[in-house]
Structure formats: structure tokens, C-alpha cells
Amino acid sequence: MDTQTITCPNCGTEIEVAKVLSDQISAQLRKQFENEAKRKESALKKKEAQLLEERKKLEDEKESMELKVQEILLKEKAKIKAEAIKDAEKKMSIEFKDLQEQAKAQQKKLEEFQKQELELRKKVREAEEIKRNAELEIARRVDEEKNKAILEAKRQFEEEHRLKDKDKDQKIEDLKKTVEALKQKLEQGSQERQGEVFEQDLEERLNMVFPIDTIIPISKGQRGADVVQVVNENGYICGKILWEAKRTKNWSNNWIEKLRQDQQNEKADIAIIVSNALPKDIDSFGQIDGIWVTDD
């Protein structure tokens, strides 16, 4: 194919038409490509800027979310801590109130024990006072009866002084016997009264020391010991104790066999003799043939 040329009217230079067209098309295409590339590059940069902005927005949202989560966690933590403190304070308050109630109960028990101790001491003093008064009254009555007997003897002696010496001596002897009999009678009555006071004191002390047990005094003249103690535990009878009170100067071994027989008749678990006179081989508390012996 022959190359087509044209001559420039100005300078007379021959110009190849195909080359000119090719250069024009190339320039046009290059410009189009460059424009398209610039457009795509601009769009890409815009997209990149948009992505960066979205990324920053997401990061900001993430940071904001983390702050919110942290704030929520702190609030929940503070709430849990406050609730825990509140529960602990409530529990401590309950425990403190319980301790206060226990302290009040203990104080009340202590006051009750002190009151019982005072009552017991009062009863002991009253019993001792009764015993002293009884002994004094007995001594006075003995003296009065002796004086009466002596006066009566003198009176009778003066009235009958004219009798024979034998009759006089017999009268005097009879009067002496009468005085001795009266004295023995008074002393016997004194011992019986002291024994009754001693038994009553034992009964009162048992009632004081064992308030939940049943204390049964044996009536005077009735066979058996002086006091029966029925031991109670939570409303049930769990045993029986037999008490024998002896207000005497001398110990008698016959009491052991007598109380053992009473124990068998009463079907008691334990038998105890309370006496101010003890066997020589027992100081203050001991056992003889299964029978307990103690002083008062």
C-alpha cells in the first residue's frame, strides 16, 4: 500500500497522512486513558478517603463502645460492691442484734442466778436464825421447867417436912425422878424439834438447788426416809433419790441398814444420809455399803 502524503502549504513539507492520523488517534487515546486513569485515581482516592473515614468512624465507635462497656462494667462493679457492702452490713447488723440479744439473755440469766443466790442466802440465814431461836427457846423452856420443878419440890418439901425422914427422903427421890423425867422429855422434844427444822431446811435447799425436780417430804410418823427427790429431765422421770436427815451428836451404823431397806421399798436409785455426826472413817463425804453419807 502506497503511503499517502500531503504537502504543507506553508513550508512545503510532505506529511504522511497515516502517521498524522495515527499520532492524533494516539494522542486522543492517550488523553482518554490519562483522563480515565485520573478519574479512576480520583475515585480510588475518594474511595480510600471514604474507607479511611469509615475506618476512623468505626474506630471511634469502637472506642466509644469500649468506653461505654467500661463505664457499664464500672457501674455494675460499683453496684455489686454496694450490694455486697449492703448485704454485709445487713448481715453484720443481724449478727450484732443477735449478739445483743444473747448478751441480754446472759445478763438476764446472771441476774436471775444472782437473785436465786440472794434468796438462797436469805433462806439459809432465816434457817440459821430459826435454829438459833429454837435452841434458845428450848434452853429457856428447860430452865423454866427446871425452876418450876425445883420450886414445886421445895413447896412440897416445906409442906410435908413433918413427915418421917423415910417418907421425906422418898418424896425427895420421887421429885428428883420427876425432874429428870421432865428434863428428858424436854430434851427429847428439843431433839425432835431440831430434827424437824433440819429436815425442813434440807427440803428447802433441795427445792432451791433442783427447781425442776419433785421434792416430796415424808410425813412424820410415816415409815421411810425424810425426803424423796424425783429427778426430772425434759419432762421425764429419770431417777429417784432418797434423803435421810440426822440432827444428832453421835453416829449410828444402824442408820445404814434402815435406809437401805427404805431404798429397796421406795425403789430409789440413790440413798443419802445428811448428818452433822459422821463415821470416824469419813471426813465430809463418802459411801458405806452403797449408802452415801455427807455432812450438812
C-alpha atoms as a PDB file:
ATOM      1  CA  MET A   1       0.000   0.000   0.000  1.00  0.00           C
ATOM      2  CA  ASP A   2       1.407   3.329  -1.034  1.00  0.00           C
ATOM      3  CA  THR A   3       1.943   5.901   1.627  1.00  0.00           C
ATOM      4  CA  GLN A   4      -0.331   8.863   1.177  1.00  0.00           C
ATOM      5  CA  THR A   5       1.269  12.197   1.736  1.00  0.00           C
ATOM      6  CA  ILE A   6       0.197  15.814   1.680  1.00  0.00           C
ATOM      7  CA  THR A   7       2.286  18.933   1.241  1.00  0.00           C
ATOM      8  CA  CYS A   8       2.160  21.701   3.796  1.00  0.00           C
ATOM      9  CA  PRO A   9       1.112  24.857   2.016  1.00  0.00           C
ATOM     10  CA  ASN A  10       3.227  26.994   4.247  1.00  0.00           C
ATOM     11  CA  CYS A  11       6.521  25.236   4.292  1.00  0.00           C
ATOM     12  CA  GLY A  12       6.117  22.731   1.512  1.00  0.00           C
ATOM     13  CA  THR A  13       6.913  19.789   3.755  1.00  0.00           C
ATOM     14  CA  GLU A  14       5.390  16.493   2.833  1.00  0.00           C
ATOM     15  CA  ILE A  15       3.365  14.955   5.644  1.00  0.00           C
ATOM     16  CA  GLU A  16       2.292  11.333   5.786  1.00  0.00           C
ATOM     17  CA  VAL A  17      -1.448  11.240   6.321  1.00  0.00           C
ATOM     18  CA  ALA A  18      -1.465   7.884   8.104  1.00  0.00           C
ATOM     19  CA  LYS A  19       1.174   8.964  10.569  1.00  0.00           C
ATOM     20  CA  VAL A  20      -0.662  12.157  11.320  1.00  0.00           C
ATOM     21  CA  LEU A  21      -3.880  10.292  11.885  1.00  0.00           C
ATOM     22  CA  SER A  22      -2.067   7.716  13.951  1.00  0.00           C
ATOM     23  CA  ASP A  23      -0.460  10.392  16.082  1.00  0.00           C
ATOM     24  CA  GLN A  24      -3.763  12.155  16.518  1.00  0.00           C
ATOM     25  CA  ILE A  25      -5.562   8.963  17.465  1.00  0.00           C
ATOM     26  CA  SER A  26      -2.708   8.014  19.793  1.00  0.00           C
ATOM     27  CA  ALA A  27      -2.798  11.411  21.417  1.00  0.00           C
ATOM     28  CA  GLN A  28      -6.545  11.263  21.702  1.00  0.00           C
ATOM     29  CA  LEU A  29      -6.482   7.749  23.140  1.00  0.00           C
ATOM     30  CA  ARG A  30      -3.603   8.666  25.460  1.00  0.00           C
ATOM     31  CA  LYS A  31      -5.590  11.635  26.679  1.00  0.00           C
ATOM     32  CA  GLN A  32      -8.651   9.454  27.157  1.00  0.00           C
ATOM     33  CA  PHE A  33      -6.567   6.886  29.025  1.00  0.00           C
ATOM     34  CA  GLU A  34      -4.969   9.585  31.122  1.00  0.00           C
ATOM     35  CA  ASN A  35      -8.329  11.163  31.872  1.00  0.00           C
ATOM     36  CA  GLU A  36      -9.795   7.733  32.706  1.00  0.00           C
ATOM     37  CA  ALA A  37      -6.775   6.959  34.852  1.00  0.00           C
ATOM     38  CA  LYS A  38      -7.076  10.304  36.614  1.00  0.00           C
ATOM     39  CA  ARG A  39     -10.807   9.705  37.095  1.00  0.00           C
ATOM     40  CA  LYS A  40     -10.205   6.229  38.446  1.00  0.00           C
ATOM     41  CA  GLU A  41      -7.346   7.502  40.591  1.00  0.00           C
ATOM     42  CA  SER A  42      -9.580  10.285  41.912  1.00  0.00           C
ATOM     43  CA  ALA A  43     -12.384   7.804  42.533  1.00  0.00           C
ATOM     44  CA  LEU A  44      -9.915   5.447  44.164  1.00  0.00           C
ATOM     45  CA  LYS A  45      -8.563   8.231  46.381  1.00  0.00           C
ATOM     46  CA  LYS A  46     -12.108   9.271  47.187  1.00  0.00           C
ATOM     47  CA  LYS A  47     -12.992   5.660  47.999  1.00  0.00           C
ATOM     48  CA  GLU A  48      -9.812   5.351  50.032  1.00  0.00           C
ATOM     49  CA  ALA A  49     -10.647   8.568  51.895  1.00  0.00           C
ATOM     50  CA  GLN A  50     -14.170   7.256  52.429  1.00  0.00           C
ATOM     51  CA  LEU A  51     -12.789   3.949  53.707  1.00  0.00           C
ATOM     52  CA  LEU A  52     -10.377   5.788  55.978  1.00  0.00           C
ATOM     53  CA  GLU A  53     -13.219   7.934  57.243  1.00  0.00           C
ATOM     54  CA  GLU A  54     -15.396   4.855  57.803  1.00  0.00           C
ATOM     55  CA  ARG A  55     -12.467   3.110  59.489  1.00  0.00           C
ATOM     56  CA  LYS A  56     -11.934   6.129  61.727  1.00  0.00           C
ATOM     57  CA  LYS A  57     -15.652   6.229  62.410  1.00  0.00           C
ATOM     58  CA  LEU A  58     -15.616   2.528  63.268  1.00  0.00           C
ATOM     59  CA  GLU A  59     -12.571   3.004  65.464  1.00  0.00           C
ATOM     60  CA  ASP A  60     -14.268   5.973  67.144  1.00  0.00           C
ATOM     61  CA  GLU A  61     -17.426   3.902  67.601  1.00  0.00           C
ATOM     62  CA  LYS A  62     -15.336   1.020  68.916  1.00  0.00           C
ATOM     63  CA  GLU A  63     -13.557   3.327  71.340  1.00  0.00           C
ATOM     64  CA  SER A  64     -16.879   4.859  72.349  1.00  0.00           C
ATOM     65  CA  MET A  65     -18.342   1.384  72.750  1.00  0.00           C
ATOM     66  CA  GLU A  66     -15.362   0.276  74.828  1.00  0.00           C
ATOM     67  CA  LEU A  67     -15.755   3.376  76.989  1.00  0.00           C
ATOM     68  CA  LYS A  68     -19.460   2.642  77.377  1.00  0.00           C
ATOM     69  CA  VAL A  69     -18.728  -1.002  78.191  1.00  0.00           C
ATOM     70  CA  GLN A  70     -16.067   0.069  80.674  1.00  0.00           C
ATOM     71  CA  GLU A  71     -18.467   2.589  82.174  1.00  0.00           C
ATOM     72  CA  ILE A  72     -21.190  -0.077  82.397  1.00  0.00           C
ATOM     73  CA  LEU A  73     -18.698  -2.508  83.948  1.00  0.00           C
ATOM     74  CA  LEU A  74     -17.607   0.124  86.452  1.00  0.00           C
ATOM     75  CA  LYS A  75     -21.235   0.886  87.290  1.00  0.00           C
ATOM     76  CA  GLU A  76     -22.066  -2.820  87.629  1.00  0.00           C
ATOM     77  CA  LYS A  77     -18.935  -3.370  89.666  1.00  0.00           C
ATOM     78  CA  ALA A  78     -19.830  -0.444  91.916  1.00  0.00           C
ATOM     79  CA  LYS A  79     -23.408  -1.721  92.116  1.00  0.00           C
ATOM     80  CA  ILE A  80     -22.259  -5.239  93.020  1.00  0.00           C
ATOM     81  CA  LYS A  81     -19.807  -3.809  95.538  1.00  0.00           C
ATOM     82  CA  ALA A  82     -22.509  -1.591  97.031  1.00  0.00           C
ATOM     83  CA  GLU A  83     -24.923  -4.548  97.201  1.00  0.00           C
ATOM     84  CA  ALA A  84     -22.208  -6.707  98.751  1.00  0.00           C
ATOM     85  CA  ILE A  85     -21.459  -3.978 101.296  1.00  0.00           C
ATOM     86  CA  LYS A  86     -25.176  -3.578 101.937  1.00  0.00           C
ATOM     87  CA  ASP A  87     -25.619  -7.336 102.374  1.00  0.00           C
ATOM     88  CA  ALA A  88     -22.551  -7.482 104.620  1.00  0.00           C
ATOM     89  CA  GLU A  89     -23.823  -4.549 106.672  1.00  0.00           C
ATOM     90  CA  LYS A  90     -27.243  -6.201 106.894  1.00  0.00           C
ATOM     91  CA  LYS A  91     -25.675  -9.495 107.943  1.00  0.00           C
ATOM     92  CA  MET A  92     -23.430  -7.719 110.458  1.00  0.00           C
ATOM     93  CA  SER A  93     -26.456  -5.828 111.757  1.00  0.00           C
ATOM     94  CA  ILE A  94     -28.376  -9.095 112.203  1.00  0.00           C
ATOM     95  CA  GLU A  95     -25.375 -10.751 113.875  1.00  0.00           C
ATOM     96  CA  PHE A  96     -24.870  -7.701 116.086  1.00  0.00           C
ATOM     97  CA  LYS A  97     -28.533  -7.736 117.095  1.00  0.00           C
ATOM     98  CA  ASP A  98     -28.257 -11.461 117.768  1.00  0.00           C
ATOM     99  CA  LEU A  99     -25.177 -10.873 119.909  1.00  0.00           C
ATOM    100  CA  GLN A 100     -27.030  -8.108 121.728  1.00  0.00           C
ATOM    101  CA  GLU A 101     -29.954 -10.453 122.359  1.00  0.00           C
ATOM    102  CA  GLN A 102     -27.559 -13.144 123.574  1.00  0.00           C
ATOM    103  CA  ALA A 103     -25.854 -10.627 125.847  1.00  0.00           C
ATOM    104  CA  LYS A 104     -29.246  -9.526 127.195  1.00  0.00           C
ATOM    105  CA  ALA A 105     -30.244 -13.158 127.757  1.00  0.00           C
ATOM    106  CA  GLN A 106     -26.951 -13.886 129.517  1.00  0.00           C
ATOM    107  CA  GLN A 107     -27.364 -10.760 131.639  1.00  0.00           C
ATOM    108  CA  LYS A 108     -30.916 -11.807 132.470  1.00  0.00           C
ATOM    109  CA  LYS A 109     -29.718 -15.293 133.433  1.00  0.00           C
ATOM    110  CA  LEU A 110     -26.942 -13.781 135.526  1.00  0.00           C
ATOM    111  CA  GLU A 111     -29.405 -11.501 137.276  1.00  0.00           C
ATOM    112  CA  GLU A 112     -31.733 -14.469 137.844  1.00  0.00           C
ATOM    113  CA  PHE A 113     -28.862 -16.551 139.241  1.00  0.00           C
ATOM    114  CA  GLN A 114     -27.857 -13.668 141.484  1.00  0.00           C
ATOM    115  CA  LYS A 115     -31.451 -13.304 142.602  1.00  0.00           C
ATOM    116  CA  GLN A 116     -31.651 -17.032 143.338  1.00  0.00           C
ATOM    117  CA  GLU A 117     -28.348 -16.865 145.202  1.00  0.00           C
ATOM    118  CA  LEU A 118     -29.636 -13.957 147.292  1.00  0.00           C
ATOM    119  CA  GLU A 119     -32.855 -15.854 148.001  1.00  0.00           C
ATOM    120  CA  LEU A 120     -30.872 -18.958 148.936  1.00  0.00           C
ATOM    121  CA  ARG A 121     -28.591 -16.978 151.226  1.00  0.00           C
ATOM    122  CA  LYS A 122     -31.651 -15.326 152.746  1.00  0.00           C
ATOM    123  CA  LYS A 123     -33.277 -18.709 153.384  1.00  0.00           C
ATOM    124  CA  VAL A 124     -30.040 -20.057 154.857  1.00  0.00           C
ATOM    125  CA  ARG A 125     -29.848 -17.059 157.195  1.00  0.00           C
ATOM    126  CA  GLU A 126     -33.511 -17.473 158.086  1.00  0.00           C
ATOM    127  CA  ALA A 127     -32.985 -21.189 158.749  1.00  0.00           C
ATOM    128  CA  GLU A 128     -29.966 -20.415 160.927  1.00  0.00           C
ATOM    129  CA  GLU A 129     -31.978 -17.765 162.742  1.00  0.00           C
ATOM    130  CA  ILE A 130     -34.842 -20.231 163.252  1.00  0.00           C
ATOM    131  CA  LYS A 131     -32.367 -22.815 164.524  1.00  0.00           C
ATOM    132  CA  ARG A 132     -30.788 -20.338 166.958  1.00  0.00           C
ATOM    133  CA  ASN A 133     -34.189 -19.151 168.143  1.00  0.00           C
ATOM    134  CA  ALA A 134     -35.369 -22.744 168.550  1.00  0.00           C
ATOM    135  CA  GLU A 135     -32.276 -23.673 170.545  1.00  0.00           C
ATOM    136  CA  LEU A 136     -32.680 -20.558 172.672  1.00  0.00           C
ATOM    137  CA  GLU A 137     -36.380 -21.267 173.199  1.00  0.00           C
ATOM    138  CA  ILE A 138     -35.637 -24.868 174.129  1.00  0.00           C
ATOM    139  CA  ALA A 139     -32.963 -23.760 176.613  1.00  0.00           C
ATOM    140  CA  ARG A 140     -35.374 -21.244 178.139  1.00  0.00           C
ATOM    141  CA  ARG A 141     -38.123 -23.835 178.439  1.00  0.00           C
ATOM    142  CA  VAL A 142     -35.740 -26.324 180.025  1.00  0.00           C
ATOM    143  CA  ASP A 143     -34.653 -23.705 182.557  1.00  0.00           C
ATOM    144  CA  GLU A 144     -38.256 -22.710 183.233  1.00  0.00           C
ATOM    145  CA  GLU A 145     -39.339 -26.312 183.715  1.00  0.00           C
ATOM    146  CA  LYS A 146     -36.353 -26.993 185.945  1.00  0.00           C
ATOM    147  CA  ASN A 147     -37.105 -23.913 188.035  1.00  0.00           C
ATOM    148  CA  LYS A 148     -40.763 -24.879 188.228  1.00  0.00           C
ATOM    149  CA  ALA A 149     -39.846 -28.389 189.255  1.00  0.00           C
ATOM    150  CA  ILE A 150     -37.408 -27.116 191.895  1.00  0.00           C
ATOM    151  CA  LEU A 151     -39.967 -24.656 193.250  1.00  0.00           C
ATOM    152  CA  GLU A 152     -42.573 -27.384 193.300  1.00  0.00           C
ATOM    153  CA  ALA A 153     -40.155 -29.685 195.066  1.00  0.00           C
ATOM    154  CA  LYS A 154     -39.365 -27.027 197.654  1.00  0.00           C
ATOM    155  CA  ARG A 155     -43.024 -26.282 198.193  1.00  0.00           C
ATOM    156  CA  GLN A 156     -43.891 -29.914 198.628  1.00  0.00           C
ATOM    157  CA  PHE A 157     -40.893 -30.404 200.884  1.00  0.00           C
ATOM    158  CA  GLU A 158     -41.911 -27.493 203.088  1.00  0.00           C
ATOM    159  CA  GLU A 159     -45.496 -28.691 203.305  1.00  0.00           C
ATOM    160  CA  GLU A 160     -44.505 -32.228 204.175  1.00  0.00           C
ATOM    161  CA  HIS A 161     -41.444 -31.512 206.372  1.00  0.00           C
ATOM    162  CA  ARG A 162     -43.234 -33.063 209.299  1.00  0.00           C
ATOM    163  CA  LEU A 163     -43.348 -36.456 207.645  1.00  0.00           C
ATOM    164  CA  LYS A 164     -40.977 -39.076 208.688  1.00  0.00           C
ATOM    165  CA  ASP A 165     -37.461 -38.962 207.381  1.00  0.00           C
ATOM    166  CA  LYS A 166     -38.029 -42.032 205.265  1.00  0.00           C
ATOM    167  CA  ASP A 167     -41.125 -40.596 203.667  1.00  0.00           C
ATOM    168  CA  LYS A 168     -39.328 -37.291 203.221  1.00  0.00           C
ATOM    169  CA  ASP A 169     -36.388 -38.945 201.524  1.00  0.00           C
ATOM    170  CA  GLN A 170     -38.754 -40.926 199.325  1.00  0.00           C
ATOM    171  CA  LYS A 171     -40.568 -37.768 198.343  1.00  0.00           C
ATOM    172  CA  ILE A 172     -37.317 -36.020 197.515  1.00  0.00           C
ATOM    173  CA  GLU A 173     -36.230 -39.003 195.430  1.00  0.00           C
ATOM    174  CA  ASP A 174     -39.566 -39.037 193.647  1.00  0.00           C
ATOM    175  CA  LEU A 175     -39.215 -35.343 192.921  1.00  0.00           C
ATOM    176  CA  LYS A 176     -35.725 -35.873 191.547  1.00  0.00           C
ATOM    177  CA  LYS A 177     -37.049 -38.593 189.278  1.00  0.00           C
ATOM    178  CA  THR A 178     -39.845 -36.294 188.219  1.00  0.00           C
ATOM    179  CA  VAL A 179     -37.356 -33.524 187.420  1.00  0.00           C
ATOM    180  CA  GLU A 180     -35.163 -35.950 185.495  1.00  0.00           C
ATOM    181  CA  ALA A 181     -38.161 -37.274 183.576  1.00  0.00           C
ATOM    182  CA  LEU A 182     -39.252 -33.741 182.732  1.00  0.00           C
ATOM    183  CA  LYS A 183     -35.730 -32.879 181.656  1.00  0.00           C
ATOM    184  CA  GLN A 184     -35.508 -35.954 179.437  1.00  0.00           C
ATOM    185  CA  LYS A 185     -38.915 -35.182 177.994  1.00  0.00           C
ATOM    186  CA  LEU A 186     -37.897 -31.608 177.218  1.00  0.00           C
ATOM    187  CA  GLU A 187     -34.590 -32.699 175.729  1.00  0.00           C
ATOM    188  CA  GLN A 188     -36.368 -35.293 173.618  1.00  0.00           C
ATOM    189  CA  GLY A 189     -38.818 -32.644 172.439  1.00  0.00           C
ATOM    190  CA  SER A 190     -35.867 -30.345 171.707  1.00  0.00           C
ATOM    191  CA  GLN A 191     -34.129 -33.008 169.614  1.00  0.00           C
ATOM    192  CA  GLU A 192     -37.336 -33.760 167.728  1.00  0.00           C
ATOM    193  CA  ARG A 193     -37.856 -30.063 167.035  1.00  0.00           C
ATOM    194  CA  GLN A 194     -34.259 -29.649 165.883  1.00  0.00           C
ATOM    195  CA  GLY A 195     -34.690 -32.701 163.657  1.00  0.00           C
ATOM    196  CA  GLU A 196     -37.857 -31.229 162.138  1.00  0.00           C
ATOM    197  CA  VAL A 197     -36.092 -27.911 161.488  1.00  0.00           C
ATOM    198  CA  PHE A 198     -33.152 -29.801 159.954  1.00  0.00           C
ATOM    199  CA  GLU A 199     -35.478 -31.821 157.692  1.00  0.00           C
ATOM    200  CA  GLN A 200     -37.347 -28.674 156.641  1.00  0.00           C
ATOM    201  CA  ASP A 201     -34.049 -26.927 155.860  1.00  0.00           C
ATOM    202  CA  LEU A 202     -32.945 -29.931 153.747  1.00  0.00           C
ATOM    203  CA  GLU A 203     -36.237 -29.859 151.849  1.00  0.00           C
ATOM    204  CA  GLU A 204     -35.935 -26.106 151.141  1.00  0.00           C
ATOM    205  CA  ARG A 205     -32.331 -26.447 149.971  1.00  0.00           C
ATOM    206  CA  LEU A 206     -33.256 -29.298 147.607  1.00  0.00           C
ATOM    207  CA  ASN A 207     -36.120 -27.229 146.158  1.00  0.00           C
ATOM    208  CA  MET A 208     -33.731 -24.320 145.632  1.00  0.00           C
ATOM    209  CA  VAL A 209     -30.864 -26.292 144.066  1.00  0.00           C
ATOM    210  CA  PHE A 210     -33.078 -28.632 141.985  1.00  0.00           C
ATOM    211  CA  PRO A 211     -36.069 -26.477 140.947  1.00  0.00           C
ATOM    212  CA  ILE A 212     -37.204 -28.812 138.126  1.00  0.00           C
ATOM    213  CA  ASP A 213     -37.198 -31.931 140.320  1.00  0.00           C
ATOM    214  CA  THR A 214     -40.110 -33.038 142.516  1.00  0.00           C
ATOM    215  CA  ILE A 215     -39.256 -32.882 146.245  1.00  0.00           C
ATOM    216  CA  ILE A 216     -41.630 -34.973 148.389  1.00  0.00           C
ATOM    217  CA  PRO A 217     -41.329 -34.752 152.214  1.00  0.00           C
ATOM    218  CA  ILE A 218     -42.305 -37.878 154.161  1.00  0.00           C
ATOM    219  CA  SER A 219     -44.880 -37.098 156.851  1.00  0.00           C
ATOM    220  CA  LYS A 220     -43.893 -37.542 160.486  1.00  0.00           C
ATOM    221  CA  GLY A 221     -44.900 -40.982 161.754  1.00  0.00           C
ATOM    222  CA  GLN A 222     -44.869 -42.482 158.254  1.00  0.00           C
ATOM    223  CA  ARG A 223     -42.369 -45.277 157.595  1.00  0.00           C
ATOM    224  CA  GLY A 224     -39.444 -44.442 155.322  1.00  0.00           C
ATOM    225  CA  ALA A 225     -36.817 -41.745 154.851  1.00  0.00           C
ATOM    226  CA  ASP A 226     -37.337 -37.998 155.340  1.00  0.00           C
ATOM    227  CA  VAL A 227     -37.389 -36.693 151.736  1.00  0.00           C
ATOM    228  CA  VAL A 228     -37.872 -38.313 148.290  1.00  0.00           C
ATOM    229  CA  GLN A 229     -36.375 -36.474 145.295  1.00  0.00           C
ATOM    230  CA  VAL A 230     -37.842 -37.450 141.899  1.00  0.00           C
ATOM    231  CA  VAL A 231     -35.274 -36.404 139.258  1.00  0.00           C
ATOM    232  CA  ASN A 232     -36.853 -34.896 136.124  1.00  0.00           C
ATOM    233  CA  GLU A 233     -35.199 -34.281 132.742  1.00  0.00           C
ATOM    234  CA  ASN A 234     -37.141 -32.632 129.880  1.00  0.00           C
ATOM    235  CA  GLY A 235     -40.439 -33.686 131.425  1.00  0.00           C
ATOM    236  CA  TYR A 236     -39.412 -37.303 132.000  1.00  0.00           C
ATOM    237  CA  ILE A 237     -38.657 -39.060 135.297  1.00  0.00           C
ATOM    238  CA  CYS A 238     -35.078 -40.368 135.106  1.00  0.00           C
ATOM    239  CA  GLY A 239     -34.319 -41.347 138.690  1.00  0.00           C
ATOM    240  CA  LYS A 240     -35.159 -41.214 142.390  1.00  0.00           C
ATOM    241  CA  ILE A 241     -33.001 -40.129 145.353  1.00  0.00           C
ATOM    242  CA  LEU A 242     -33.794 -40.925 148.986  1.00  0.00           C
ATOM    243  CA  TRP A 243     -32.661 -38.427 151.669  1.00  0.00           C
ATOM    244  CA  GLU A 244     -32.371 -39.071 155.424  1.00  0.00           C
ATOM    245  CA  ALA A 245     -31.577 -36.110 157.738  1.00  0.00           C
ATOM    246  CA  LYS A 246     -29.953 -36.744 161.136  1.00  0.00           C
ATOM    247  CA  ARG A 247     -29.524 -33.957 163.686  1.00  0.00           C
ATOM    248  CA  THR A 248     -27.594 -35.767 166.416  1.00  0.00           C
ATOM    249  CA  LYS A 249     -24.316 -35.770 168.292  1.00  0.00           C
ATOM    250  CA  ASN A 250     -23.389 -39.421 167.710  1.00  0.00           C
ATOM    251  CA  TRP A 251     -23.292 -41.559 164.587  1.00  0.00           C
ATOM    252  CA  SER A 252     -25.196 -44.869 164.427  1.00  0.00           C
ATOM    253  CA  ASN A 253     -24.369 -47.628 161.918  1.00  0.00           C
ATOM    254  CA  ASN A 254     -27.956 -48.860 162.236  1.00  0.00           C
ATOM    255  CA  TRP A 255     -28.990 -45.944 160.004  1.00  0.00           C
ATOM    256  CA  ILE A 256     -27.244 -47.591 157.019  1.00  0.00           C
ATOM    257  CA  GLU A 257     -29.290 -50.801 157.128  1.00  0.00           C
ATOM    258  CA  LYS A 258     -32.505 -48.903 157.853  1.00  0.00           C
ATOM    259  CA  LEU A 259     -32.017 -46.534 154.874  1.00  0.00           C
ATOM    260  CA  ARG A 260     -31.005 -49.447 152.613  1.00  0.00           C
ATOM    261  CA  GLN A 261     -34.309 -51.127 153.461  1.00  0.00           C
ATOM    262  CA  ASP A 262     -36.164 -47.853 152.799  1.00  0.00           C
ATOM    263  CA  GLN A 263     -34.327 -47.579 149.456  1.00  0.00           C
ATOM    264  CA  GLN A 264     -35.493 -51.050 148.434  1.00  0.00           C
ATOM    265  CA  ASN A 265     -39.067 -50.324 149.489  1.00  0.00           C
ATOM    266  CA  GLU A 266     -39.062 -46.963 147.675  1.00  0.00           C
ATOM    267  CA  LYS A 267     -37.150 -48.428 144.667  1.00  0.00           C
ATOM    268  CA  ALA A 268     -34.801 -45.442 144.766  1.00  0.00           C
ATOM    269  CA  ASP A 269     -31.606 -45.253 142.686  1.00  0.00           C
ATOM    270  CA  ILE A 270     -29.525 -43.419 145.311  1.00  0.00           C
ATOM    271  CA  ALA A 271     -29.807 -43.120 149.092  1.00  0.00           C
ATOM    272  CA  ILE A 272     -28.076 -40.339 151.075  1.00  0.00           C
ATOM    273  CA  ILE A 273     -27.726 -39.653 154.805  1.00  0.00           C
ATOM    274  CA  VAL A 274     -27.129 -35.989 155.735  1.00  0.00           C
ATOM    275  CA  SER A 275     -25.824 -35.797 159.308  1.00  0.00           C
ATOM    276  CA  ASN A 276     -23.795 -33.441 161.476  1.00  0.00           C
ATOM    277  CA  ALA A 277     -22.241 -36.537 163.074  1.00  0.00           C
ATOM    278  CA  LEU A 278     -20.222 -38.727 160.675  1.00  0.00           C
ATOM    279  CA  PRO A 279     -18.448 -42.089 160.969  1.00  0.00           C
ATOM    280  CA  LYS A 280     -14.805 -41.826 162.017  1.00  0.00           C
ATOM    281  CA  ASP A 281     -13.527 -43.001 158.599  1.00  0.00           C
ATOM    282  CA  ILE A 282     -15.477 -40.334 156.637  1.00  0.00           C
ATOM    283  CA  ASP A 283     -14.372 -36.713 156.664  1.00  0.00           C
ATOM    284  CA  SER A 284     -17.210 -34.901 154.888  1.00  0.00           C
ATOM    285  CA  PHE A 285     -18.481 -37.152 152.069  1.00  0.00           C
ATOM    286  CA  GLY A 286     -18.244 -40.873 151.381  1.00  0.00           C
ATOM    287  CA  GLN A 287     -20.034 -44.174 150.820  1.00  0.00           C
ATOM    288  CA  ILE A 288     -20.773 -47.035 153.225  1.00  0.00           C
ATOM    289  CA  ASP A 289     -22.222 -50.291 151.833  1.00  0.00           C
ATOM    290  CA  GLY A 290     -23.818 -48.478 148.893  1.00  0.00           C
ATOM    291  CA  ILE A 291     -25.277 -45.655 151.020  1.00  0.00           C
ATOM    292  CA  TRP A 292     -23.850 -42.141 150.563  1.00  0.00           C
ATOM    293  CA  VAL A 293     -23.026 -40.193 153.736  1.00  0.00           C
ATOM    294  CA  THR A 294     -22.332 -36.435 153.953  1.00  0.00           C
ATOM    295  CA  ASP A 295     -22.341 -33.641 156.488  1.00  0.00           C
ATOM    296  CA  ASP A 296     -24.757 -30.720 156.487  1.00  0.00           C
END
